[in-house]
């Protein structure tokens, strides 16, 4: 799955760069949507995110390209690889990359199979 985000003034920290927590929220949301589309009968919660390391700073007006790709399917969980690029420079290395894992839960919050 692929989506885009525009970096607006309210997304910036006090130094004028994209706030890291905002990017993490966008990444989590994009991959959660991918998982929910891949498994529409599941209720997913985030259980983990791999290494969090920002490779490049991002300024206001940047259009981010967020790409999520399923990596692994378990019995109750699924993992995605996510890469974030500057849309205007897709051949450059990613601004941010990580893996995110979601677990399927029932209404009481107990793990349940994804199949």
PDB file of N, CA and C in Angstrom:
ATOM      1  N   UNK A   1       0.842  -1.164   0.000  1.00  0.00           N
ATOM      2  CA  UNK A   1       0.000   0.000   0.000  1.00  0.00           C
ATOM      3  C   UNK A   1       0.890   1.231   0.000  1.00  0.00           C
ATOM      4  N   UNK A   2       0.400   2.267  -0.611  1.00  0.00           N
ATOM      5  CA  UNK A   2       1.164   3.508  -0.706  1.00  0.00           C
ATOM      6  C   UNK A   2       0.234   4.673  -0.418  1.00  0.00           C
ATOM      7  N   UNK A   3       0.734   5.666   0.322  1.00  0.00           N
ATOM      8  CA  UNK A   3      -0.045   6.859   0.612  1.00  0.00           C
ATOM      9  C   UNK A   3       0.909   8.056   0.657  1.00  0.00           C
ATOM     10  N   UNK A   4       0.340   9.240   0.789  1.00  0.00           N
ATOM     11  CA  UNK A   4       1.135  10.461   0.819  1.00  0.00           C
ATOM     12  C   UNK A   4       0.671  11.369   1.949  1.00  0.00           C
ATOM     13  N   UNK A   5       1.598  12.177   2.464  1.00  0.00           N
ATOM     14  CA  UNK A   5       1.285  13.188   3.476  1.00  0.00           C
ATOM     15  C   UNK A   5       2.011  14.470   3.116  1.00  0.00           C
ATOM     16  N   UNK A   6       1.355  15.592   3.316  1.00  0.00           N
ATOM     17  CA  UNK A   6       1.950  16.898   3.129  1.00  0.00           C
ATOM     18  C   UNK A   6       2.372  17.431   4.490  1.00  0.00           C
ATOM     19  N   UNK A   7       3.622  17.861   4.617  1.00  0.00           N
ATOM     20  CA  UNK A   7       4.129  18.391   5.885  1.00  0.00           C
ATOM     21  C   UNK A   7       3.690  19.850   6.001  1.00  0.00           C
ATOM     22  N   UNK A   8       2.847  20.117   6.979  1.00  0.00           N
ATOM     23  CA  UNK A   8       2.268  21.444   7.216  1.00  0.00           C
ATOM     24  C   UNK A   8       2.931  22.114   8.422  1.00  0.00           C
ATOM     25  N   UNK A   9       2.712  23.419   8.615  1.00  0.00           N
ATOM     26  CA  UNK A   9       3.345  24.122   9.743  1.00  0.00           C
ATOM     27  C   UNK A   9       3.076  23.478  11.103  1.00  0.00           C
ATOM     28  N   UNK A  10       1.877  22.953  11.301  1.00  0.00           N
ATOM     29  CA  UNK A  10       1.547  22.338  12.599  1.00  0.00           C
ATOM     30  C   UNK A  10       2.265  21.006  12.833  1.00  0.00           C
ATOM     31  N   UNK A  11       2.940  20.488  11.811  1.00  0.00           N
ATOM     32  CA  UNK A  11       3.692  19.235  11.934  1.00  0.00           C
ATOM     33  C   UNK A  11       5.153  19.457  12.328  1.00  0.00           C
ATOM     34  N   UNK A  12       5.553  20.719  12.475  1.00  0.00           N
ATOM     35  CA  UNK A  12       6.959  21.055  12.703  1.00  0.00           C
ATOM     36  C   UNK A  12       7.290  21.235  14.178  1.00  0.00           C
ATOM     37  N   UNK A  13       8.538  20.933  14.509  1.00  0.00           N
ATOM     38  CA  UNK A  13       9.016  21.193  15.873  1.00  0.00           C
ATOM     39  C   UNK A  13       9.498  22.647  15.961  1.00  0.00           C
ATOM     40  N   UNK A  14      10.032  23.036  17.096  1.00  0.00           N
ATOM     41  CA  UNK A  14      10.438  24.424  17.322  1.00  0.00           C
ATOM     42  C   UNK A  14      11.666  24.838  16.502  1.00  0.00           C
ATOM     43  N   UNK A  15      12.318  23.888  15.822  1.00  0.00           N
ATOM     44  CA  UNK A  15      13.444  24.202  14.949  1.00  0.00           C
ATOM     45  C   UNK A  15      13.027  24.274  13.475  1.00  0.00           C
ATOM     46  N   UNK A  16      11.751  24.010  13.182  1.00  0.00           N
ATOM     47  CA  UNK A  16      11.260  24.100  11.817  1.00  0.00           C
ATOM     48  C   UNK A  16      11.356  22.814  11.013  1.00  0.00           C
ATOM     49  N   UNK A  17      11.597  21.704  11.697  1.00  0.00           N
ATOM     50  CA  UNK A  17      11.670  20.402  11.039  1.00  0.00           C
ATOM     51  C   UNK A  17      10.479  19.545  11.450  1.00  0.00           C
ATOM     52  N   UNK A  18      10.167  18.542  10.632  1.00  0.00           N
ATOM     53  CA  UNK A  18       9.075  17.624  10.950  1.00  0.00           C
ATOM     54  C   UNK A  18       9.304  16.997  12.320  1.00  0.00           C
ATOM     55  N   UNK A  19       8.286  17.052  13.153  1.00  0.00           N
ATOM     56  CA  UNK A  19       8.333  16.456  14.487  1.00  0.00           C
ATOM     57  C   UNK A  19       8.347  14.936  14.342  1.00  0.00           C
ATOM     58  N   UNK A  20       9.318  14.275  14.955  1.00  0.00           N
ATOM     59  CA  UNK A  20       9.484  12.830  14.815  1.00  0.00           C
ATOM     60  C   UNK A  20       8.256  12.037  15.208  1.00  0.00           C
ATOM     61  N   UNK A  21       7.595  12.453  16.274  1.00  0.00           N
ATOM     62  CA  UNK A  21       6.400  11.745  16.722  1.00  0.00           C
ATOM     63  C   UNK A  21       5.276  11.802  15.708  1.00  0.00           C
ATOM     64  N   UNK A  22       5.204  12.894  14.959  1.00  0.00           N
ATOM     65  CA  UNK A  22       4.174  13.021  13.936  1.00  0.00           C
ATOM     66  C   UNK A  22       4.422  12.003  12.818  1.00  0.00           C
ATOM     67  N   UNK A  23       5.686  11.876  12.407  1.00  0.00           N
ATOM     68  CA  UNK A  23       6.016  10.900  11.368  1.00  0.00           C
ATOM     69  C   UNK A  23       5.716   9.482  11.839  1.00  0.00           C
ATOM     70  N   UNK A  24       6.037   9.175  13.091  1.00  0.00           N
ATOM     71  CA  UNK A  24       5.747   7.839  13.621  1.00  0.00           C
ATOM     72  C   UNK A  24       4.244   7.562  13.602  1.00  0.00           C
ATOM     73  N   UNK A  25       3.442   8.544  13.936  1.00  0.00           N
ATOM     74  CA  UNK A  25       1.982   8.367  13.911  1.00  0.00           C
ATOM     75  C   UNK A  25       1.501   8.110  12.489  1.00  0.00           C
ATOM     76  N   UNK A  26       2.030   8.854  11.516  1.00  0.00           N
ATOM     77  CA  UNK A  26       1.623   8.655  10.121  1.00  0.00           C
ATOM     78  C   UNK A  26       2.009   7.274   9.623  1.00  0.00           C
ATOM     79  N   UNK A  27       3.208   6.842   9.988  1.00  0.00           N
ATOM     80  CA  UNK A  27       3.702   5.520   9.577  1.00  0.00           C
ATOM     81  C   UNK A  27       2.830   4.421  10.187  1.00  0.00           C
ATOM     82  N   UNK A  28       2.530   4.543  11.470  1.00  0.00           N
ATOM     83  CA  UNK A  28       1.694   3.550  12.148  1.00  0.00           C
ATOM     84  C   UNK A  28       0.307   3.514  11.524  1.00  0.00           C
ATOM     85  N   UNK A  29      -0.262   4.667  11.255  1.00  0.00           N
ATOM     86  CA  UNK A  29      -1.588   4.733  10.653  1.00  0.00           C
ATOM     87  C   UNK A  29      -1.596   4.110   9.254  1.00  0.00           C
ATOM     88  N   UNK A  30      -0.608   4.428   8.436  1.00  0.00           N
ATOM     89  CA  UNK A  30      -0.554   3.896   7.067  1.00  0.00           C
ATOM     90  C   UNK A  30      -0.452   2.376   7.076  1.00  0.00           C
ATOM     91  N   UNK A  31       0.393   1.834   7.932  1.00  0.00           N
ATOM     92  CA  UNK A  31       0.544   0.375   7.978  1.00  0.00           C
ATOM     93  C   UNK A  31      -0.668  -0.294   8.608  1.00  0.00           C
ATOM     94  N   UNK A  32      -1.288   0.360   9.580  1.00  0.00           N
ATOM     95  CA  UNK A  32      -2.515  -0.183  10.171  1.00  0.00           C
ATOM     96  C   UNK A  32      -3.603  -0.276   9.102  1.00  0.00           C
ATOM     97  N   UNK A  33      -3.701   0.750   8.257  1.00  0.00           N
ATOM     98  CA  UNK A  33      -4.678   0.720   7.171  1.00  0.00           C
ATOM     99  C   UNK A  33      -4.359  -0.432   6.221  1.00  0.00           C
ATOM    100  N   UNK A  34      -3.082  -0.609   5.882  1.00  0.00           N
ATOM    101  CA  UNK A  34      -2.684  -1.715   5.000  1.00  0.00           C
ATOM    102  C   UNK A  34      -3.105  -3.054   5.603  1.00  0.00           C
ATOM    103  N   UNK A  35      -2.841  -3.244   6.892  1.00  0.00           N
ATOM    104  CA  UNK A  35      -3.210  -4.499   7.559  1.00  0.00           C
ATOM    105  C   UNK A  35      -4.721  -4.678   7.573  1.00  0.00           C
ATOM    106  N   UNK A  36      -5.450  -3.618   7.830  1.00  0.00           N
ATOM    107  CA  UNK A  36      -6.911  -3.697   7.888  1.00  0.00           C
ATOM    108  C   UNK A  36      -7.521  -3.986   6.522  1.00  0.00           C
ATOM    109  N   UNK A  37      -6.876  -3.505   5.458  1.00  0.00           N
ATOM    110  CA  UNK A  37      -7.354  -3.822   4.109  1.00  0.00           C
ATOM    111  C   UNK A  37      -7.003  -5.256   3.722  1.00  0.00           C
ATOM    112  N   UNK A  38      -5.826  -5.727   4.160  1.00  0.00           N
ATOM    113  CA  UNK A  38      -5.413  -7.102   3.869  1.00  0.00           C
ATOM    114  C   UNK A  38      -6.235  -8.121   4.648  1.00  0.00           C
ATOM    115  N   UNK A  39      -6.674  -7.746   5.852  1.00  0.00           N
ATOM    116  CA  UNK A  39      -7.436  -8.645   6.740  1.00  0.00           C
ATOM    117  C   UNK A  39      -8.652  -7.884   7.280  1.00  0.00           C
ATOM    118  N   UNK A  40      -9.659  -7.652   6.454  1.00  0.00           N
ATOM    119  CA  UNK A  40     -10.786  -6.799   6.850  1.00  0.00           C
ATOM    120  C   UNK A  40     -11.614  -7.329   8.019  1.00  0.00           C
ATOM    121  N   UNK A  41     -11.507  -8.588   8.325  1.00  0.00           N
ATOM    122  CA  UNK A  41     -12.276  -9.183   9.417  1.00  0.00           C
ATOM    123  C   UNK A  41     -11.554  -9.058  10.765  1.00  0.00           C
ATOM    124  N   UNK A  42     -10.340  -8.488  10.780  1.00  0.00           N
ATOM    125  CA  UNK A  42      -9.535  -8.405  12.011  1.00  0.00           C
ATOM    126  C   UNK A  42      -9.585  -7.017  12.629  1.00  0.00           C
ATOM    127  N   UNK A  43      -9.392  -7.001  13.956  1.00  0.00           N
ATOM    128  CA  UNK A  43      -9.181  -5.770  14.709  1.00  0.00           C
ATOM    129  C   UNK A  43      -7.717  -5.783  15.124  1.00  0.00           C
ATOM    130  N   UNK A  44      -6.924  -4.866  14.598  1.00  0.00           N
ATOM    131  CA  UNK A  44      -5.491  -4.875  14.885  1.00  0.00           C
ATOM    132  C   UNK A  44      -5.095  -3.803  15.883  1.00  0.00           C
ATOM    133  N   UNK A  45      -4.107  -4.160  16.705  1.00  0.00           N
ATOM    134  CA  UNK A  45      -3.436  -3.195  17.570  1.00  0.00           C
ATOM    135  C   UNK A  45      -1.930  -3.315  17.298  1.00  0.00           C
ATOM    136  N   UNK A  46      -1.252  -2.205  17.431  1.00  0.00           N
ATOM    137  CA  UNK A  46       0.195  -2.182  17.220  1.00  0.00           C
ATOM    138  C   UNK A  46       0.881  -2.802  18.421  1.00  0.00           C
ATOM    139  N   UNK A  47       1.792  -3.761  18.172  1.00  0.00           N
ATOM    140  CA  UNK A  47       2.522  -4.349  19.298  1.00  0.00           C
ATOM    141  C   UNK A  47       4.006  -4.021  19.254  1.00  0.00           C
ATOM    142  N   UNK A  48       4.492  -3.553  18.118  1.00  0.00           N
ATOM    143  CA  UNK A  48       5.907  -3.218  18.091  1.00  0.00           C
ATOM    144  C   UNK A  48       6.326  -2.514  16.826  1.00  0.00           C
ATOM    145  N   UNK A  49       7.355  -1.701  16.985  1.00  0.00           N
ATOM    146  CA  UNK A  49       7.980  -1.029  15.865  1.00  0.00           C
ATOM    147  C   UNK A  49       9.472  -1.270  16.009  1.00  0.00           C
ATOM    148  N   UNK A  50      10.103  -1.678  14.916  1.00  0.00           N
ATOM    149  CA  UNK A  50      11.542  -1.930  14.958  1.00  0.00           C
ATOM    150  C   UNK A  50      12.297  -0.612  15.164  1.00  0.00           C
ATOM    151  N   UNK A  51      13.529  -0.639  14.868  1.00  0.00           N
ATOM    152  CA  UNK A  51      14.415   0.509  15.050  1.00  0.00           C
ATOM    153  C   UNK A  51      13.788   1.810  14.550  1.00  0.00           C
ATOM    154  N   UNK A  52      13.875   2.840  15.383  1.00  0.00           N
ATOM    155  CA  UNK A  52      13.384   4.164  15.020  1.00  0.00           C
ATOM    156  C   UNK A  52      14.605   5.063  14.852  1.00  0.00           C
ATOM    157  N   UNK A  53      14.911   5.342  13.591  1.00  0.00           N
ATOM    158  CA  UNK A  53      16.062   6.187  13.266  1.00  0.00           C
ATOM    159  C   UNK A  53      15.711   7.033  12.056  1.00  0.00           C
ATOM    160  N   UNK A  54      15.755   8.341  12.234  1.00  0.00           N
ATOM    161  CA  UNK A  54      15.433   9.275  11.163  1.00  0.00           C
ATOM    162  C   UNK A  54      16.710   9.573  10.391  1.00  0.00           C
ATOM    163  N   UNK A  55      16.695   9.323   9.086  1.00  0.00           N
ATOM    164  CA  UNK A  55      17.908   9.459   8.275  1.00  0.00           C
ATOM    165  C   UNK A  55      18.120  10.866   7.744  1.00  0.00           C
ATOM    166  N   UNK A  56      17.042  11.606   7.506  1.00  0.00           N
ATOM    167  CA  UNK A  56      17.136  12.956   6.951  1.00  0.00           C
ATOM    168  C   UNK A  56      16.083  13.840   7.594  1.00  0.00           C
ATOM    169  N   UNK A  57      16.362  15.127   7.693  1.00  0.00           N
ATOM    170  CA  UNK A  57      15.376  16.070   8.218  1.00  0.00           C
ATOM    171  C   UNK A  57      14.365  16.389   7.120  1.00  0.00           C
ATOM    172  N   UNK A  58      13.208  16.851   7.544  1.00  0.00           N
ATOM    173  CA  UNK A  58      12.110  17.140   6.620  1.00  0.00           C
ATOM    174  C   UNK A  58      11.571  18.522   6.946  1.00  0.00           C
ATOM    175  N   UNK A  59      11.388  19.330   5.941  1.00  0.00           N
ATOM    176  CA  UNK A  59      10.888  20.698   6.082  1.00  0.00           C
ATOM    177  C   UNK A  59       9.422  20.816   5.659  1.00  0.00           C
ATOM    178  N   UNK A  60       8.824  21.935   6.047  1.00  0.00           N
ATOM    179  CA  UNK A  60       7.455  22.249   5.652  1.00  0.00           C
ATOM    180  C   UNK A  60       7.328  22.221   4.135  1.00  0.00           C
ATOM    181  N   UNK A  61       6.201  21.714   3.652  1.00  0.00           N
ATOM    182  CA  UNK A  61       5.927  21.668   2.227  1.00  0.00           C
ATOM    183  C   UNK A  61       6.368  20.388   1.553  1.00  0.00           C
ATOM    184  N   UNK A  62       7.127  19.556   2.266  1.00  0.00           N
ATOM    185  CA  UNK A  62       7.563  18.278   1.698  1.00  0.00           C
ATOM    186  C   UNK A  62       6.361  17.345   1.557  1.00  0.00           C
ATOM    187  N   UNK A  63       6.280  16.678   0.428  1.00  0.00           N
ATOM    188  CA  UNK A  63       5.258  15.651   0.231  1.00  0.00           C
ATOM    189  C   UNK A  63       5.936  14.315   0.493  1.00  0.00           C
ATOM    190  N   UNK A  64       5.458  13.614   1.501  1.00  0.00           N
ATOM    191  CA  UNK A  64       6.037  12.327   1.871  1.00  0.00           C
ATOM    192  C   UNK A  64       5.301  11.192   1.175  1.00  0.00           C
ATOM    193  N   UNK A  65       6.049  10.229   0.713  1.00  0.00           N
ATOM    194  CA  UNK A  65       5.524   9.016   0.103  1.00  0.00           C
ATOM    195  C   UNK A  65       5.763   7.892   1.106  1.00  0.00           C
ATOM    196  N   UNK A  66       4.688   7.288   1.610  1.00  0.00           N
ATOM    197  CA  UNK A  66       4.783   6.234   2.619  1.00  0.00           C
ATOM    198  C   UNK A  66       4.384   4.918   1.966  1.00  0.00           C
ATOM    199  N   UNK A  67       5.313   3.958   1.958  1.00  0.00           N
ATOM    200  CA  UNK A  67       5.085   2.665   1.319  1.00  0.00           C
ATOM    201  C   UNK A  67       5.128   1.553   2.358  1.00  0.00           C
ATOM    202  N   UNK A  68       4.072   0.759   2.400  1.00  0.00           N
ATOM    203  CA  UNK A  68       3.962  -0.354   3.344  1.00  0.00           C
ATOM    204  C   UNK A  68       3.887  -1.664   2.558  1.00  0.00           C
ATOM    205  N   UNK A  69       4.662  -2.633   2.992  1.00  0.00           N
ATOM    206  CA  UNK A  69       4.670  -3.932   2.317  1.00  0.00           C
ATOM    207  C   UNK A  69       4.656  -5.044   3.366  1.00  0.00           C
ATOM    208  N   UNK A  70       3.728  -5.981   3.205  1.00  0.00           N
ATOM    209  CA  UNK A  70       3.632  -7.096   4.152  1.00  0.00           C
ATOM    210  C   UNK A  70       4.901  -7.937   4.077  1.00  0.00           C
ATOM    211  N   UNK A  71       5.461  -8.257   5.251  1.00  0.00           N
ATOM    212  CA  UNK A  71       6.693  -9.020   5.333  1.00  0.00           C
ATOM    213  C   UNK A  71       6.486 -10.425   5.886  1.00  0.00           C
ATOM    214  N   UNK A  72       5.635 -10.528   6.906  1.00  0.00           N
ATOM    215  CA  UNK A  72       5.481 -11.818   7.574  1.00  0.00           C
ATOM    216  C   UNK A  72       4.078 -11.932   8.142  1.00  0.00           C
ATOM    217  N   UNK A  73       3.520 -13.114   8.003  1.00  0.00           N
ATOM    218  CA  UNK A  73       2.213 -13.409   8.581  1.00  0.00           C
ATOM    219  C   UNK A  73       2.374 -14.533   9.577  1.00  0.00           C
ATOM    220  N   UNK A  74       1.913 -14.314  10.798  1.00  0.00           N
ATOM    221  CA  UNK A  74       1.914 -15.353  11.813  1.00  0.00           C
ATOM    222  C   UNK A  74       0.500 -15.862  12.039  1.00  0.00           C
ATOM    223  N   UNK A  75       0.293 -16.532  13.151  1.00  0.00           N
ATOM    224  CA  UNK A  75      -1.026 -17.050  13.481  1.00  0.00           C
ATOM    225  C   UNK A  75      -1.974 -15.939  13.931  1.00  0.00           C
ATOM    226  N   UNK A  76      -1.457 -15.040  14.775  1.00  0.00           N
ATOM    227  CA  UNK A  76      -2.287 -13.949  15.293  1.00  0.00           C
ATOM    228  C   UNK A  76      -1.727 -12.573  14.937  1.00  0.00           C
ATOM    229  N   UNK A  77      -0.579 -12.533  14.273  1.00  0.00           N
ATOM    230  CA  UNK A  77       0.066 -11.252  13.987  1.00  0.00           C
ATOM    231  C   UNK A  77       0.517 -11.156  12.535  1.00  0.00           C
ATOM    232  N   UNK A  78       0.787  -9.926  12.127  1.00  0.00           N
ATOM    233  CA  UNK A  78       1.301  -9.654  10.788  1.00  0.00           C
ATOM    234  C   UNK A  78       2.283  -8.485  10.895  1.00  0.00           C
ATOM    235  N   UNK A  79       3.362  -8.558  10.107  1.00  0.00           N
ATOM    236  CA  UNK A  79       4.405  -7.529  10.130  1.00  0.00           C
ATOM    237  C   UNK A  79       4.534  -6.880   8.760  1.00  0.00           C
ATOM    238  N   UNK A  80       4.786  -5.579   8.780  1.00  0.00           N
ATOM    239  CA  UNK A  80       4.945  -4.796   7.563  1.00  0.00           C
ATOM    240  C   UNK A  80       6.265  -4.046   7.595  1.00  0.00           C
ATOM    241  N   UNK A  81       6.828  -3.873   6.427  1.00  0.00           N
ATOM    242  CA  UNK A  81       8.002  -3.028   6.222  1.00  0.00           C
ATOM    243  C   UNK A  81       7.470  -1.700   5.702  1.00  0.00           C
ATOM    244  N   UNK A  82       7.965  -0.600   6.247  1.00  0.00           N
ATOM    245  CA  UNK A  82       7.536   0.712   5.785  1.00  0.00           C
ATOM    246  C   UNK A  82       8.762   1.553   5.455  1.00  0.00           C
ATOM    247  N   UNK A  83       8.686   2.241   4.327  1.00  0.00           N
ATOM    248  CA  UNK A  83       9.717   3.175   3.893  1.00  0.00           C
ATOM    249  C   UNK A  83       9.048   4.501   3.584  1.00  0.00           C
ATOM    250  N   UNK A  84       9.687   5.587   4.006  1.00  0.00           N
ATOM    251  CA  UNK A  84       9.164   6.925   3.769  1.00  0.00           C
ATOM    252  C   UNK A  84      10.167   7.682   2.904  1.00  0.00           C
ATOM    253  N   UNK A  85       9.671   8.244   1.809  1.00  0.00           N
ATOM    254  CA  UNK A  85      10.510   8.964   0.856  1.00  0.00           C
ATOM    255  C   UNK A  85      10.010  10.394   0.675  1.00  0.00           C
ATOM    256  N   UNK A  86      10.902  11.266   0.237  1.00  0.00           N
ATOM    257  CA  UNK A  86      10.531  12.594  -0.235  1.00  0.00           C
ATOM    258  C   UNK A  86       9.963  12.384  -1.630  1.00  0.00           C
ATOM    259  N   UNK A  87       8.697  12.697  -1.836  1.00  0.00           N
ATOM    260  CA  UNK A  87       8.018  12.413  -3.102  1.00  0.00           C
ATOM    261  C   UNK A  87       8.710  13.061  -4.295  1.00  0.00           C
ATOM    262  N   UNK A  88       9.378  14.168  -4.046  1.00  0.00           N
ATOM    263  CA  UNK A  88      10.041  14.863  -5.154  1.00  0.00           C
ATOM    264  C   UNK A  88      11.389  14.250  -5.509  1.00  0.00           C
ATOM    265  N   UNK A  89      11.850  13.293  -4.685  1.00  0.00           N
ATOM    266  CA  UNK A  89      13.159  12.685  -4.919  1.00  0.00           C
ATOM    267  C   UNK A  89      13.088  11.198  -4.567  1.00  0.00           C
ATOM    268  N   UNK A  90      12.295  10.440  -5.305  1.00  0.00           N
ATOM    269  CA  UNK A  90      12.048   9.029  -5.003  1.00  0.00           C
ATOM    270  C   UNK A  90      13.281   8.149  -5.201  1.00  0.00           C
ATOM    271  N   UNK A  91      14.304   8.648  -5.898  1.00  0.00           N
ATOM    272  CA  UNK A  91      15.506   7.844  -6.118  1.00  0.00           C
ATOM    273  C   UNK A  91      16.509   7.997  -4.981  1.00  0.00           C
ATOM    274  N   UNK A  92      16.258   8.940  -4.087  1.00  0.00           N
ATOM    275  CA  UNK A  92      17.121   9.122  -2.912  1.00  0.00           C
ATOM    276  C   UNK A  92      16.807   8.038  -1.885  1.00  0.00           C
ATOM    277  N   UNK A  93      17.729   7.777  -0.977  1.00  0.00           N
ATOM    278  CA  UNK A  93      17.442   6.810   0.094  1.00  0.00           C
ATOM    279  C   UNK A  93      16.242   7.263   0.921  1.00  0.00           C
ATOM    280  N   UNK A  94      15.578   6.321   1.601  1.00  0.00           N
ATOM    281  CA  UNK A  94      14.411   6.705   2.406  1.00  0.00           C
ATOM    282  C   UNK A  94      14.781   7.653   3.538  1.00  0.00           C
ATOM    283  N   UNK A  95      13.834   8.505   3.873  1.00  0.00           N
ATOM    284  CA  UNK A  95      13.964   9.402   5.023  1.00  0.00           C
ATOM    285  C   UNK A  95      13.872   8.590   6.305  1.00  0.00           C
ATOM    286  N   UNK A  96      13.042   7.555   6.263  1.00  0.00           N
ATOM    287  CA  UNK A  96      12.773   6.727   7.446  1.00  0.00           C
ATOM    288  C   UNK A  96      12.340   5.346   6.979  1.00  0.00           C
ATOM    289  N   UNK A  97      12.780   4.315   7.679  1.00  0.00           N
ATOM    290  CA  UNK A  97      12.379   2.930   7.406  1.00  0.00           C
ATOM    291  C   UNK A  97      12.263   2.181   8.726  1.00  0.00           C
ATOM    292  N   UNK A  98      11.319   1.271   8.792  1.00  0.00           N
ATOM    293  CA  UNK A  98      11.186   0.428   9.979  1.00  0.00           C
ATOM    294  C   UNK A  98      10.259  -0.741   9.660  1.00  0.00           C
ATOM    295  N   UNK A  99      10.095  -1.617  10.621  1.00  0.00           N
ATOM    296  CA  UNK A  99       9.127  -2.698  10.567  1.00  0.00           C
ATOM    297  C   UNK A  99       8.111  -2.489  11.668  1.00  0.00           C
ATOM    298  N   UNK A 100       6.867  -2.811  11.399  1.00  0.00           N
ATOM    299  CA  UNK A 100       5.796  -2.665  12.385  1.00  0.00           C
ATOM    300  C   UNK A 100       5.036  -3.973  12.449  1.00  0.00           C
ATOM    301  N   UNK A 101       4.697  -4.394  13.668  1.00  0.00           N
ATOM    302  CA  UNK A 101       3.943  -5.624  13.863  1.00  0.00           C
ATOM    303  C   UNK A 101       2.621  -5.305  14.554  1.00  0.00           C
ATOM    304  N   UNK A 102       1.569  -5.923  14.031  1.00  0.00           N
ATOM    305  CA  UNK A 102       0.212  -5.785  14.583  1.00  0.00           C
ATOM    306  C   UNK A 102      -0.276  -7.146  15.021  1.00  0.00           C
ATOM    307  N   UNK A 103      -1.098  -7.165  16.064  1.00  0.00           N
ATOM    308  CA  UNK A 103      -1.721  -8.406  16.502  1.00  0.00           C
ATOM    309  C   UNK A 103      -3.232  -8.233  16.401  1.00  0.00           C
ATOM    310  N   UNK A 104      -3.896  -9.296  15.995  1.00  0.00           N
ATOM    311  CA  UNK A 104      -5.347  -9.309  15.895  1.00  0.00           C
ATOM    312  C   UNK A 104      -5.927  -9.626  17.270  1.00  0.00           C
ATOM    313  N   UNK A 105      -6.919  -8.838  17.677  1.00  0.00           N
ATOM    314  CA  UNK A 105      -7.530  -9.047  18.998  1.00  0.00           C
ATOM    315  C   UNK A 105      -9.055  -9.102  18.863  1.00  0.00           C
ATOM    316  N   UNK A 106      -9.669  -9.749  19.848  1.00  0.00           N
ATOM    317  CA  UNK A 106     -11.128  -9.776  19.892  1.00  0.00           C
ATOM    318  C   UNK A 106     -11.618  -8.562  20.678  1.00  0.00           C
ATOM    319  N   UNK A 107     -12.913  -8.484  20.925  1.00  0.00           N
ATOM    320  CA  UNK A 107     -13.478  -7.323  21.613  1.00  0.00           C
ATOM    321  C   UNK A 107     -12.985  -7.167  23.045  1.00  0.00           C
ATOM    322  N   UNK A 108     -12.513  -8.248  23.636  1.00  0.00           N
ATOM    323  CA  UNK A 108     -11.983  -8.198  25.004  1.00  0.00           C
ATOM    324  C   UNK A 108     -10.479  -7.939  25.031  1.00  0.00           C
ATOM    325  N   UNK A 109      -9.871  -7.799  23.846  1.00  0.00           N
ATOM    326  CA  UNK A 109      -8.430  -7.527  23.795  1.00  0.00           C
ATOM    327  C   UNK A 109      -7.558  -8.778  23.787  1.00  0.00           C
ATOM    328  N   UNK A 110      -8.164  -9.944  23.669  1.00  0.00           N
ATOM    329  CA  UNK A 110      -7.402 -11.202  23.614  1.00  0.00           C
ATOM    330  C   UNK A 110      -6.984 -11.487  22.173  1.00  0.00           C
ATOM    331  N   UNK A 111      -5.791 -12.053  22.017  1.00  0.00           N
ATOM    332  CA  UNK A 111      -5.310 -12.408  20.677  1.00  0.00           C
ATOM    333  C   UNK A 111      -6.282 -13.371  20.013  1.00  0.00           C
ATOM    334  N   UNK A 112      -6.432 -13.190  18.694  1.00  0.00           N
ATOM    335  CA  UNK A 112      -7.254 -14.120  17.931  1.00  0.00           C
ATOM    336  C   UNK A 112      -6.600 -14.349  16.581  1.00  0.00           C
ATOM    337  N   UNK A 113      -6.778 -15.517  15.987  1.00  0.00           N
ATOM    338  CA  UNK A 113      -6.151 -15.829  14.708  1.00  0.00           C
ATOM    339  C   UNK A 113      -6.572 -14.848  13.602  1.00  0.00           C
ATOM    340  N   UNK A 114      -5.649 -14.600  12.686  1.00  0.00           N
ATOM    341  CA  UNK A 114      -5.960 -13.700  11.573  1.00  0.00           C
ATOM    342  C   UNK A 114      -6.608 -14.440  10.406  1.00  0.00           C
ATOM    343  N   UNK A 115      -6.565 -15.752  10.411  1.00  0.00           N
ATOM    344  CA  UNK A 115      -7.214 -16.545   9.343  1.00  0.00           C
ATOM    345  C   UNK A 115      -8.403 -17.270   9.901  1.00  0.00           C
TER     346      UNK A 115
END
